[in-house]
Amino acid sequence: MWFEGGRGAHFDGASDWTLEWSVSQSGDDRWMDPYRVDFHGRWVMRDSTHEVPFVGLAGSLLTSATPVFNEVNEVVGVTLTFEERAVRFCLWKGEIDTSPR
């Protein structure tokens, strides 16, 4: 996710089904290194501001990021709270999912 000023938040599901996330500074795109693949294609960034659950959040202030823990206290998600509402990113069957569960 990209934010005003060029900062970004990167979310990735680890092989043990925990969620890894980091925040990057403006101009720092090192988080993209694992996704730069030459032999089978490449990942493509896209604008998801018109897709659920991100509709209406463009330009909103992010007020908090709260980790979501599983029963053994591992981070398996994060809830991003914006001015209008919250969006929860959680791992579901090894994939990052924003569906309410």
PDB file of N, CA and C in Angstrom:
ATOM      1  N   MET A   1       0.854  -1.161   0.000  1.00  0.00           N
ATOM      2  CA  MET A   1       0.000   0.000   0.000  1.00  0.00           C
ATOM      3  C   MET A   1       0.902   1.227   0.000  1.00  0.00           C
ATOM      4  N   TRP A   2       0.525   2.212  -0.806  1.00  0.00           N
ATOM      5  CA  TRP A   2       1.283   3.452  -0.870  1.00  0.00           C
ATOM      6  C   TRP A   2       0.514   4.554  -0.159  1.00  0.00           C
ATOM      7  N   PHE A   3       1.247   5.424   0.521  1.00  0.00           N
ATOM      8  CA  PHE A   3       0.641   6.526   1.247  1.00  0.00           C
ATOM      9  C   PHE A   3       1.225   7.842   0.779  1.00  0.00           C
ATOM     10  N   GLU A   4       0.531   8.933   1.103  1.00  0.00           N
ATOM     11  CA  GLU A   4       0.994  10.262   0.726  1.00  0.00           C
ATOM     12  C   GLU A   4       2.431  10.465   1.187  1.00  0.00           C
ATOM     13  N   GLY A   5       3.217  11.100   0.366  1.00  0.00           N
ATOM     14  CA  GLY A   5       4.610  11.324   0.698  1.00  0.00           C
ATOM     15  C   GLY A   5       5.522  10.200   0.249  1.00  0.00           C
ATOM     16  N   GLY A   6       4.941   9.144  -0.341  1.00  0.00           N
ATOM     17  CA  GLY A   6       5.748   8.065  -0.883  1.00  0.00           C
ATOM     18  C   GLY A   6       6.056   6.923   0.059  1.00  0.00           C
ATOM     19  N   ARG A   7       5.616   6.991   1.310  1.00  0.00           N
ATOM     20  CA  ARG A   7       5.841   5.875   2.231  1.00  0.00           C
ATOM     21  C   ARG A   7       4.922   4.730   1.849  1.00  0.00           C
ATOM     22  N   GLY A   8       5.334   3.529   2.196  1.00  0.00           N
ATOM     23  CA  GLY A   8       4.536   2.364   1.851  1.00  0.00           C
ATOM     24  C   GLY A   8       4.485   1.353   2.978  1.00  0.00           C
ATOM     25  N   ALA A   9       3.484   0.490   2.916  1.00  0.00           N
ATOM     26  CA  ALA A   9       3.377  -0.634   3.851  1.00  0.00           C
ATOM     27  C   ALA A   9       3.335  -1.899   3.012  1.00  0.00           C
ATOM     28  N   HIS A  10       4.174  -2.858   3.375  1.00  0.00           N
ATOM     29  CA  HIS A  10       4.274  -4.110   2.631  1.00  0.00           C
ATOM     30  C   HIS A  10       3.830  -5.248   3.539  1.00  0.00           C
ATOM     31  N   PHE A  11       2.917  -6.082   3.048  1.00  0.00           N
ATOM     32  CA  PHE A  11       2.393  -7.220   3.800  1.00  0.00           C
ATOM     33  C   PHE A  11       2.736  -8.493   3.043  1.00  0.00           C
ATOM     34  N   ASP A  12       3.203  -9.502   3.776  1.00  0.00           N
ATOM     35  CA  ASP A  12       3.601 -10.750   3.138  1.00  0.00           C
ATOM     36  C   ASP A  12       3.301 -11.915   4.066  1.00  0.00           C
ATOM     37  N   GLY A  13       2.753 -12.982   3.509  1.00  0.00           N
ATOM     38  CA  GLY A  13       2.509 -14.191   4.284  1.00  0.00           C
ATOM     39  C   GLY A  13       3.764 -15.039   4.308  1.00  0.00           C
ATOM     40  N   ALA A  14       4.232 -15.374   5.499  1.00  0.00           N
ATOM     41  CA  ALA A  14       5.431 -16.201   5.647  1.00  0.00           C
ATOM     42  C   ALA A  14       5.068 -17.676   5.480  1.00  0.00           C
ATOM     43  N   SER A  15       6.074 -18.510   5.294  1.00  0.00           N
ATOM     44  CA  SER A  15       5.843 -19.935   5.070  1.00  0.00           C
ATOM     45  C   SER A  15       5.232 -20.629   6.289  1.00  0.00           C
ATOM     46  N   ASP A  16       5.370 -20.037   7.474  1.00  0.00           N
ATOM     47  CA  ASP A  16       4.738 -20.618   8.667  1.00  0.00           C
ATOM     48  C   ASP A  16       3.350 -20.030   8.915  1.00  0.00           C
ATOM     49  N   TRP A  17       2.811 -19.351   7.930  1.00  0.00           N
ATOM     50  CA  TRP A  17       1.471 -18.751   7.928  1.00  0.00           C
ATOM     51  C   TRP A  17       1.333 -17.611   8.935  1.00  0.00           C
ATOM     52  N   THR A  18       2.436 -16.954   9.236  1.00  0.00           N
ATOM     53  CA  THR A  18       2.371 -15.728  10.015  1.00  0.00           C
ATOM     54  C   THR A  18       2.485 -14.562   9.036  1.00  0.00           C
ATOM     55  N   LEU A  19       2.038 -13.401   9.477  1.00  0.00           N
ATOM     56  CA  LEU A  19       2.063 -12.216   8.616  1.00  0.00           C
ATOM     57  C   LEU A  19       3.290 -11.388   8.937  1.00  0.00           C
ATOM     58  N   GLU A  20       4.045 -11.062   7.910  1.00  0.00           N
ATOM     59  CA  GLU A  20       5.179 -10.161   8.051  1.00  0.00           C
ATOM     60  C   GLU A  20       4.797  -8.851   7.400  1.00  0.00           C
ATOM     61  N   TRP A  21       5.109  -7.752   8.057  1.00  0.00           N
ATOM     62  CA  TRP A  21       4.816  -6.449   7.460  1.00  0.00           C
ATOM     63  C   TRP A  21       5.881  -5.449   7.847  1.00  0.00           C
ATOM     64  N   SER A  22       6.079  -4.509   6.957  1.00  0.00           N
ATOM     65  CA  SER A  22       7.099  -3.496   7.176  1.00  0.00           C
ATOM     66  C   SER A  22       6.638  -2.186   6.542  1.00  0.00           C
ATOM     67  N   VAL A  23       7.256  -1.116   6.975  1.00  0.00           N
ATOM     68  CA  VAL A  23       6.962   0.219   6.450  1.00  0.00           C
ATOM     69  C   VAL A  23       8.223   0.729   5.764  1.00  0.00           C
ATOM     70  N   SER A  24       8.058   1.285   4.568  1.00  0.00           N
ATOM     71  CA  SER A  24       9.210   1.806   3.837  1.00  0.00           C
ATOM     72  C   SER A  24       9.125   3.324   3.738  1.00  0.00           C
ATOM     73  N   GLN A  25      10.276   3.930   3.588  1.00  0.00           N
ATOM     74  CA  GLN A  25      10.365   5.374   3.413  1.00  0.00           C
ATOM     75  C   GLN A  25      10.169   5.727   1.940  1.00  0.00           C
ATOM     76  N   SER A  26       9.907   6.964   1.661  1.00  0.00           N
ATOM     77  CA  SER A  26       9.745   7.439   0.291  1.00  0.00           C
ATOM     78  C   SER A  26      10.988   7.112  -0.529  1.00  0.00           C
ATOM     79  N   GLY A  27      10.797   6.499  -1.686  1.00  0.00           N
ATOM     80  CA  GLY A  27      11.895   6.160  -2.581  1.00  0.00           C
ATOM     81  C   GLY A  27      12.580   4.838  -2.273  1.00  0.00           C
ATOM     82  N   ASP A  28      12.249   4.200  -1.157  1.00  0.00           N
ATOM     83  CA  ASP A  28      12.866   2.928  -0.782  1.00  0.00           C
ATOM     84  C   ASP A  28      12.005   1.786  -1.319  1.00  0.00           C
ATOM     85  N   ASP A  29      12.453   1.175  -2.399  1.00  0.00           N
ATOM     86  CA  ASP A  29      11.673   0.080  -2.989  1.00  0.00           C
ATOM     87  C   ASP A  29      12.390  -1.267  -2.854  1.00  0.00           C
ATOM     88  N   ARG A  30      13.261  -1.402  -1.840  1.00  0.00           N
ATOM     89  CA  ARG A  30      13.961  -2.669  -1.626  1.00  0.00           C
ATOM     90  C   ARG A  30      13.003  -3.817  -1.329  1.00  0.00           C
ATOM     91  N   TRP A  31      11.816  -3.503  -0.781  1.00  0.00           N
ATOM     92  CA  TRP A  31      10.840  -4.553  -0.487  1.00  0.00           C
ATOM     93  C   TRP A  31      10.410  -5.280  -1.755  1.00  0.00           C
ATOM     94  N   MET A  32      10.596  -4.643  -2.920  1.00  0.00           N
ATOM     95  CA  MET A  32      10.187  -5.246  -4.189  1.00  0.00           C
ATOM     96  C   MET A  32      11.190  -6.276  -4.704  1.00  0.00           C
ATOM     97  N   ASP A  33      12.404  -6.302  -4.171  1.00  0.00           N
ATOM     98  CA  ASP A  33      13.447  -7.195  -4.691  1.00  0.00           C
ATOM     99  C   ASP A  33      12.999  -8.650  -4.847  1.00  0.00           C
ATOM    100  N   PRO A  34      12.316  -9.264  -3.858  1.00  0.00           N
ATOM    101  CA  PRO A  34      11.903 -10.662  -4.043  1.00  0.00           C
ATOM    102  C   PRO A  34      10.872 -10.865  -5.160  1.00  0.00           C
ATOM    103  N   TYR A  35      10.216  -9.795  -5.582  1.00  0.00           N
ATOM    104  CA  TYR A  35       9.161  -9.907  -6.588  1.00  0.00           C
ATOM    105  C   TYR A  35       9.640  -9.591  -8.005  1.00  0.00           C
ATOM    106  N   ARG A  36      10.885  -9.221  -8.147  1.00  0.00           N
ATOM    107  CA  ARG A  36      11.451  -8.937  -9.464  1.00  0.00           C
ATOM    108  C   ARG A  36      11.947 -10.248 -10.057  1.00  0.00           C
ATOM    109  N   VAL A  37      11.104 -10.871 -10.826  1.00  0.00           N
ATOM    110  CA  VAL A  37      11.402 -12.189 -11.384  1.00  0.00           C
ATOM    111  C   VAL A  37      11.626 -12.039 -12.882  1.00  0.00           C
ATOM    112  N   ASP A  38      12.731 -12.566 -13.382  1.00  0.00           N
ATOM    113  CA  ASP A  38      13.060 -12.424 -14.800  1.00  0.00           C
ATOM    114  C   ASP A  38      12.678 -13.644 -15.628  1.00  0.00           C
ATOM    115  N   PHE A  39      12.608 -14.829 -15.031  1.00  0.00           N
ATOM    116  CA  PHE A  39      12.463 -16.035 -15.833  1.00  0.00           C
ATOM    117  C   PHE A  39      11.021 -16.472 -16.077  1.00  0.00           C
ATOM    118  N   HIS A  40      10.055 -16.009 -15.296  1.00  0.00           N
ATOM    119  CA  HIS A  40       8.661 -16.403 -15.507  1.00  0.00           C
ATOM    120  C   HIS A  40       7.694 -15.223 -15.521  1.00  0.00           C
ATOM    121  N   GLY A  41       8.182 -14.038 -15.671  1.00  0.00           N
ATOM    122  CA  GLY A  41       7.309 -12.873 -15.648  1.00  0.00           C
ATOM    123  C   GLY A  41       7.632 -11.977 -14.474  1.00  0.00           C
ATOM    124  N   ARG A  42       6.674 -11.126 -14.131  1.00  0.00           N
ATOM    125  CA  ARG A  42       6.904 -10.199 -13.033  1.00  0.00           C
ATOM    126  C   ARG A  42       5.568  -9.825 -12.395  1.00  0.00           C
ATOM    127  N   TRP A  43       5.644  -9.337 -11.180  1.00  0.00           N
ATOM    128  CA  TRP A  43       4.468  -8.835 -10.491  1.00  0.00           C
ATOM    129  C   TRP A  43       4.132  -7.458 -11.048  1.00  0.00           C
ATOM    130  N   VAL A  44       2.880  -7.131 -11.082  1.00  0.00           N
ATOM    131  CA  VAL A  44       2.437  -5.840 -11.595  1.00  0.00           C
ATOM    132  C   VAL A  44       1.656  -5.118 -10.500  1.00  0.00           C
ATOM    133  N   MET A  45       2.043  -3.894 -10.215  1.00  0.00           N
ATOM    134  CA  MET A  45       1.286  -3.097  -9.248  1.00  0.00           C
ATOM    135  C   MET A  45       0.023  -2.589  -9.921  1.00  0.00           C
ATOM    136  N   ARG A  46      -1.036  -2.462  -9.127  1.00  0.00           N
ATOM    137  CA  ARG A  46      -2.278  -1.945  -9.678  1.00  0.00           C
ATOM    138  C   ARG A  46      -2.972  -1.067  -8.658  1.00  0.00           C
ATOM    139  N   ASP A  47      -3.830  -0.239  -9.149  1.00  0.00           N
ATOM    140  CA  ASP A  47      -4.599   0.659  -8.308  1.00  0.00           C
ATOM    141  C   ASP A  47      -5.844  -0.079  -7.825  1.00  0.00           C
ATOM    142  N   SER A  48      -5.961  -0.282  -6.516  1.00  0.00           N
ATOM    143  CA  SER A  48      -7.115  -0.996  -5.966  1.00  0.00           C
ATOM    144  C   SER A  48      -8.049  -0.063  -5.194  1.00  0.00           C
ATOM    145  N   THR A  49      -7.907   1.237  -5.401  1.00  0.00           N
ATOM    146  CA  THR A  49      -8.737   2.195  -4.656  1.00  0.00           C
ATOM    147  C   THR A  49     -10.216   2.126  -5.029  1.00  0.00           C
ATOM    148  N   HIS A  50     -10.530   1.452  -6.125  1.00  0.00           N
ATOM    149  CA  HIS A  50     -11.937   1.315  -6.536  1.00  0.00           C
ATOM    150  C   HIS A  50     -12.465  -0.087  -6.261  1.00  0.00           C
ATOM    151  N   GLU A  51     -11.730  -0.855  -5.460  1.00  0.00           N
ATOM    152  CA  GLU A  51     -12.124  -2.220  -5.129  1.00  0.00           C
ATOM    153  C   GLU A  51     -12.432  -2.327  -3.636  1.00  0.00           C
ATOM    154  N   VAL A  52     -13.387  -3.176  -3.305  1.00  0.00           N
ATOM    155  CA  VAL A  52     -13.704  -3.457  -1.903  1.00  0.00           C
ATOM    156  C   VAL A  52     -12.505  -4.181  -1.292  1.00  0.00           C
ATOM    157  N   PRO A  53     -12.032  -3.841  -0.139  1.00  0.00           N
ATOM    158  CA  PRO A  53     -12.565  -2.932   0.873  1.00  0.00           C
ATOM    159  C   PRO A  53     -11.931  -1.548   0.850  1.00  0.00           C
ATOM    160  N   PHE A  54     -11.226  -1.203  -0.227  1.00  0.00           N
ATOM    161  CA  PHE A  54     -10.469   0.039  -0.263  1.00  0.00           C
ATOM    162  C   PHE A  54     -11.247   1.237  -0.817  1.00  0.00           C
ATOM    163  N   VAL A  55     -12.448   0.993  -1.343  1.00  0.00           N
ATOM    164  CA  VAL A  55     -13.267   2.074  -1.900  1.00  0.00           C
ATOM    165  C   VAL A  55     -13.482   3.145  -0.829  1.00  0.00           C
ATOM    166  N   GLY A  56     -13.208   4.379  -1.190  1.00  0.00           N
ATOM    167  CA  GLY A  56     -13.438   5.497  -0.282  1.00  0.00           C
ATOM    168  C   GLY A  56     -12.311   5.786   0.683  1.00  0.00           C
ATOM    169  N   LEU A  57     -11.245   5.002   0.661  1.00  0.00           N
ATOM    170  CA  LEU A  57     -10.155   5.227   1.609  1.00  0.00           C
ATOM    171  C   LEU A  57      -9.031   6.094   1.055  1.00  0.00           C
ATOM    172  N   ALA A  58      -8.975   6.263  -0.266  1.00  0.00           N
ATOM    173  CA  ALA A  58      -7.920   7.098  -0.851  1.00  0.00           C
ATOM    174  C   ALA A  58      -8.008   8.504  -0.268  1.00  0.00           C
ATOM    175  N   GLY A  59      -6.927   8.985   0.241  1.00  0.00           N
ATOM    176  CA  GLY A  59      -6.882  10.309   0.850  1.00  0.00           C
ATOM    177  C   GLY A  59      -7.257  10.327   2.319  1.00  0.00           C
ATOM    178  N   SER A  60      -7.659   9.182   2.874  1.00  0.00           N
ATOM    179  CA  SER A  60      -8.017   9.109   4.293  1.00  0.00           C
ATOM    180  C   SER A  60      -6.770   9.006   5.163  1.00  0.00           C
ATOM    181  N   LEU A  61      -6.879   9.500   6.358  1.00  0.00           N
ATOM    182  CA  LEU A  61      -5.782   9.437   7.312  1.00  0.00           C
ATOM    183  C   LEU A  61      -5.739   8.063   7.965  1.00  0.00           C
ATOM    184  N   LEU A  62      -4.589   7.424   7.915  1.00  0.00           N
ATOM    185  CA  LEU A  62      -4.371   6.174   8.631  1.00  0.00           C
ATOM    186  C   LEU A  62      -4.075   6.541  10.079  1.00  0.00           C
ATOM    187  N   THR A  63      -4.941   6.079  11.006  1.00  0.00           N
ATOM    188  CA  THR A  63      -4.790   6.477  12.403  1.00  0.00           C
ATOM    189  C   THR A  63      -4.106   5.425  13.263  1.00  0.00           C
ATOM    190  N   SER A  64      -4.167   4.136  12.851  1.00  0.00           N
ATOM    191  CA  SER A  64      -3.472   3.114  13.628  1.00  0.00           C
ATOM    192  C   SER A  64      -3.289   1.842  12.822  1.00  0.00           C
ATOM    193  N   ALA A  65      -2.321   1.049  13.247  1.00  0.00           N
ATOM    194  CA  ALA A  65      -2.073  -0.286  12.700  1.00  0.00           C
ATOM    195  C   ALA A  65      -1.919  -1.210  13.904  1.00  0.00           C
ATOM    196  N   THR A  66      -2.857  -2.142  14.047  1.00  0.00           N
ATOM    197  CA  THR A  66      -2.896  -3.010  15.219  1.00  0.00           C
ATOM    198  C   THR A  66      -2.690  -4.459  14.803  1.00  0.00           C
ATOM    199  N   PRO A  67      -1.687  -5.143  15.344  1.00  0.00           N
ATOM    200  CA  PRO A  67      -1.472  -6.542  14.976  1.00  0.00           C
ATOM    201  C   PRO A  67      -2.623  -7.435  15.448  1.00  0.00           C
ATOM    202  N   VAL A  68      -2.869  -8.505  14.679  1.00  0.00           N
ATOM    203  CA  VAL A  68      -3.846  -9.531  15.034  1.00  0.00           C
ATOM    204  C   VAL A  68      -3.042 -10.788  15.353  1.00  0.00           C
ATOM    205  N   PHE A  69      -3.299 -11.391  16.507  1.00  0.00           N
ATOM    206  CA  PHE A  69      -2.538 -12.542  16.966  1.00  0.00           C
ATOM    207  C   PHE A  69      -3.374 -13.820  16.908  1.00  0.00           C
ATOM    208  N   ASN A  70      -2.703 -14.950  16.711  1.00  0.00           N
ATOM    209  CA  ASN A  70      -3.394 -16.244  16.794  1.00  0.00           C
ATOM    210  C   ASN A  70      -3.313 -16.757  18.228  1.00  0.00           C
ATOM    211  N   GLU A  71      -3.767 -17.995  18.440  1.00  0.00           N
ATOM    212  CA  GLU A  71      -3.835 -18.559  19.785  1.00  0.00           C
ATOM    213  C   GLU A  71      -2.474 -18.800  20.435  1.00  0.00           C
ATOM    214  N   VAL A  72      -1.397 -18.798  19.659  1.00  0.00           N
ATOM    215  CA  VAL A  72      -0.060 -18.971  20.235  1.00  0.00           C
ATOM    216  C   VAL A  72       0.753 -17.674  20.158  1.00  0.00           C
ATOM    217  N   ASN A  73       0.039 -16.557  20.051  1.00  0.00           N
ATOM    218  CA  ASN A  73       0.620 -15.217  20.094  1.00  0.00           C
ATOM    219  C   ASN A  73       1.534 -14.886  18.916  1.00  0.00           C
ATOM    220  N   GLU A  74       1.261 -15.467  17.742  1.00  0.00           N
ATOM    221  CA  GLU A  74       1.987 -15.112  16.523  1.00  0.00           C
ATOM    222  C   GLU A  74       1.153 -14.095  15.751  1.00  0.00           C
ATOM    223  N   VAL A  75       1.822 -13.179  15.077  1.00  0.00           N
ATOM    224  CA  VAL A  75       1.105 -12.186  14.267  1.00  0.00           C
ATOM    225  C   VAL A  75       0.615 -12.860  12.989  1.00  0.00           C
ATOM    226  N   VAL A  76      -0.691 -12.858  12.801  1.00  0.00           N
ATOM    227  CA  VAL A  76      -1.292 -13.461  11.607  1.00  0.00           C
ATOM    228  C   VAL A  76      -2.102 -12.440  10.810  1.00  0.00           C
ATOM    229  N   GLY A  77      -2.073 -11.198  11.253  1.00  0.00           N
ATOM    230  CA  GLY A  77      -2.819 -10.160  10.545  1.00  0.00           C
ATOM    231  C   GLY A  77      -2.521  -8.799  11.125  1.00  0.00           C
ATOM    232  N   VAL A  78      -3.152  -7.803  10.530  1.00  0.00           N
ATOM    233  CA  VAL A  78      -3.049  -6.430  11.015  1.00  0.00           C
ATOM    234  C   VAL A  78      -4.353  -5.716  10.654  1.00  0.00           C
ATOM    235  N   THR A  79      -4.825  -4.898  11.569  1.00  0.00           N
ATOM    236  CA  THR A  79      -5.994  -4.069  11.303  1.00  0.00           C
ATOM    237  C   THR A  79      -5.519  -2.646  11.102  1.00  0.00           C
ATOM    238  N   LEU A  80      -5.781  -2.104   9.919  1.00  0.00           N
ATOM    239  CA  LEU A  80      -5.455  -0.712   9.622  1.00  0.00           C
ATOM    240  C   LEU A  80      -6.709   0.110   9.844  1.00  0.00           C
ATOM    241  N   THR A  81      -6.622   1.092  10.727  1.00  0.00           N
ATOM    242  CA  THR A  81      -7.767   1.948  11.021  1.00  0.00           C
ATOM    243  C   THR A  81      -7.562   3.297  10.349  1.00  0.00           C
ATOM    244  N   PHE A  82      -8.517   3.637   9.501  1.00  0.00           N
ATOM    245  CA  PHE A  82      -8.529   4.915   8.808  1.00  0.00           C
ATOM    246  C   PHE A  82      -9.599   5.793   9.439  1.00  0.00           C
ATOM    247  N   GLU A  83      -9.718   7.034   8.999  1.00  0.00           N
ATOM    248  CA  GLU A  83     -10.735   7.939   9.544  1.00  0.00           C
ATOM    249  C   GLU A  83     -12.144   7.350   9.393  1.00  0.00           C
ATOM    250  N   GLU A  84     -12.421   6.721   8.255  1.00  0.00           N
ATOM    251  CA  GLU A  84     -13.770   6.250   7.957  1.00  0.00           C
ATOM    252  C   GLU A  84     -14.080   4.876   8.538  1.00  0.00           C
ATOM    253  N   ARG A  85     -13.108   3.973   8.486  1.00  0.00           N
ATOM    254  CA  ARG A  85     -13.348   2.598   8.926  1.00  0.00           C
ATOM    255  C   ARG A  85     -12.023   1.845   8.997  1.00  0.00           C
ATOM    256  N   ALA A  86     -12.119   0.610   9.448  1.00  0.00           N
ATOM    257  CA  ALA A  86     -10.938  -0.242   9.581  1.00  0.00           C
ATOM    258  C   ALA A  86     -10.950  -1.313   8.493  1.00  0.00           C
ATOM    259  N   VAL A  87      -9.756  -1.722   8.062  1.00  0.00           N
ATOM    260  CA  VAL A  87      -9.579  -2.821   7.112  1.00  0.00           C
ATOM    261  C   VAL A  87      -8.649  -3.829   7.777  1.00  0.00           C
ATOM    262  N   ARG A  88      -9.089  -5.068   7.805  1.00  0.00           N
ATOM    263  CA  ARG A  88      -8.309  -6.123   8.449  1.00  0.00           C
ATOM    264  C   ARG A  88      -7.657  -7.001   7.388  1.00  0.00           C
ATOM    265  N   PHE A  89      -6.336  -7.152   7.482  1.00  0.00           N
ATOM    266  CA  PHE A  89      -5.563  -8.043   6.619  1.00  0.00           C
ATOM    267  C   PHE A  89      -5.200  -9.253   7.470  1.00  0.00           C
ATOM    268  N   CYS A  90      -5.660 -10.432   7.098  1.00  0.00           N
ATOM    269  CA  CYS A  90      -5.310 -11.646   7.840  1.00  0.00           C
ATOM    270  C   CYS A  90      -4.967 -12.750   6.862  1.00  0.00           C
ATOM    271  N   LEU A  91      -4.157 -13.672   7.335  1.00  0.00           N
ATOM    272  CA  LEU A  91      -3.850 -14.838   6.518  1.00  0.00           C
ATOM    273  C   LEU A  91      -4.997 -15.823   6.613  1.00  0.00           C
ATOM    274  N   TRP A  92      -5.394 -16.342   5.464  1.00  0.00           N
ATOM    275  CA  TRP A  92      -6.438 -17.353   5.390  1.00  0.00           C
ATOM    276  C   TRP A  92      -5.968 -18.391   4.389  1.00  0.00           C
ATOM    277  N   LYS A  93      -5.690 -19.575   4.864  1.00  0.00           N
ATOM    278  CA  LYS A  93      -5.196 -20.671   4.021  1.00  0.00           C
ATOM    279  C   LYS A  93      -3.934 -20.258   3.266  1.00  0.00           C
ATOM    280  N   GLY A  94      -3.069 -19.515   3.956  1.00  0.00           N
ATOM    281  CA  GLY A  94      -1.784 -19.130   3.395  1.00  0.00           C
ATOM    282  C   GLY A  94      -1.779 -17.877   2.532  1.00  0.00           C
ATOM    283  N   GLU A  95      -2.939 -17.252   2.335  1.00  0.00           N
ATOM    284  CA  GLU A  95      -3.036 -16.050   1.502  1.00  0.00           C
ATOM    285  C   GLU A  95      -3.510 -14.875   2.346  1.00  0.00           C
ATOM    286  N   ILE A  96      -3.072 -13.667   1.991  1.00  0.00           N
ATOM    287  CA  ILE A  96      -3.554 -12.468   2.671  1.00  0.00           C
ATOM    288  C   ILE A  96      -4.967 -12.183   2.184  1.00  0.00           C
ATOM    289  N   ASP A  97      -5.863 -11.988   3.141  1.00  0.00           N
ATOM    290  CA  ASP A  97      -7.278 -11.854   2.836  1.00  0.00           C
ATOM    291  C   ASP A  97      -7.846 -10.638   3.582  1.00  0.00           C
ATOM    292  N   THR A  98      -8.745  -9.917   2.952  1.00  0.00           N
ATOM    293  CA  THR A  98      -9.399  -8.786   3.604  1.00  0.00           C
ATOM    294  C   THR A  98     -10.874  -9.055   3.859  1.00  0.00           C
ATOM    295  N   SER A  99     -11.327 -10.276   3.624  1.00  0.00           N
ATOM    296  CA  SER A  99     -12.723 -10.615   3.859  1.00  0.00           C
ATOM    297  C   SER A  99     -13.012 -10.627   5.356  1.00  0.00           C
ATOM    298  N   PRO A 100     -14.184 -10.117   5.756  1.00  0.00           N
ATOM    299  CA  PRO A 100     -14.526 -10.216   7.172  1.00  0.00           C
ATOM    300  C   PRO A 100     -14.751 -11.678   7.564  1.00  0.00           C
ATOM    301  N   ARG A 101     -14.155 -12.103   8.627  1.00  0.00           N
ATOM    302  CA  ARG A 101     -14.298 -13.490   9.097  1.00  0.00           C
ATOM    303  C   ARG A 101     -14.616 -13.477  10.564  1.00  0.00           C
TER     304      ARG A 101
END
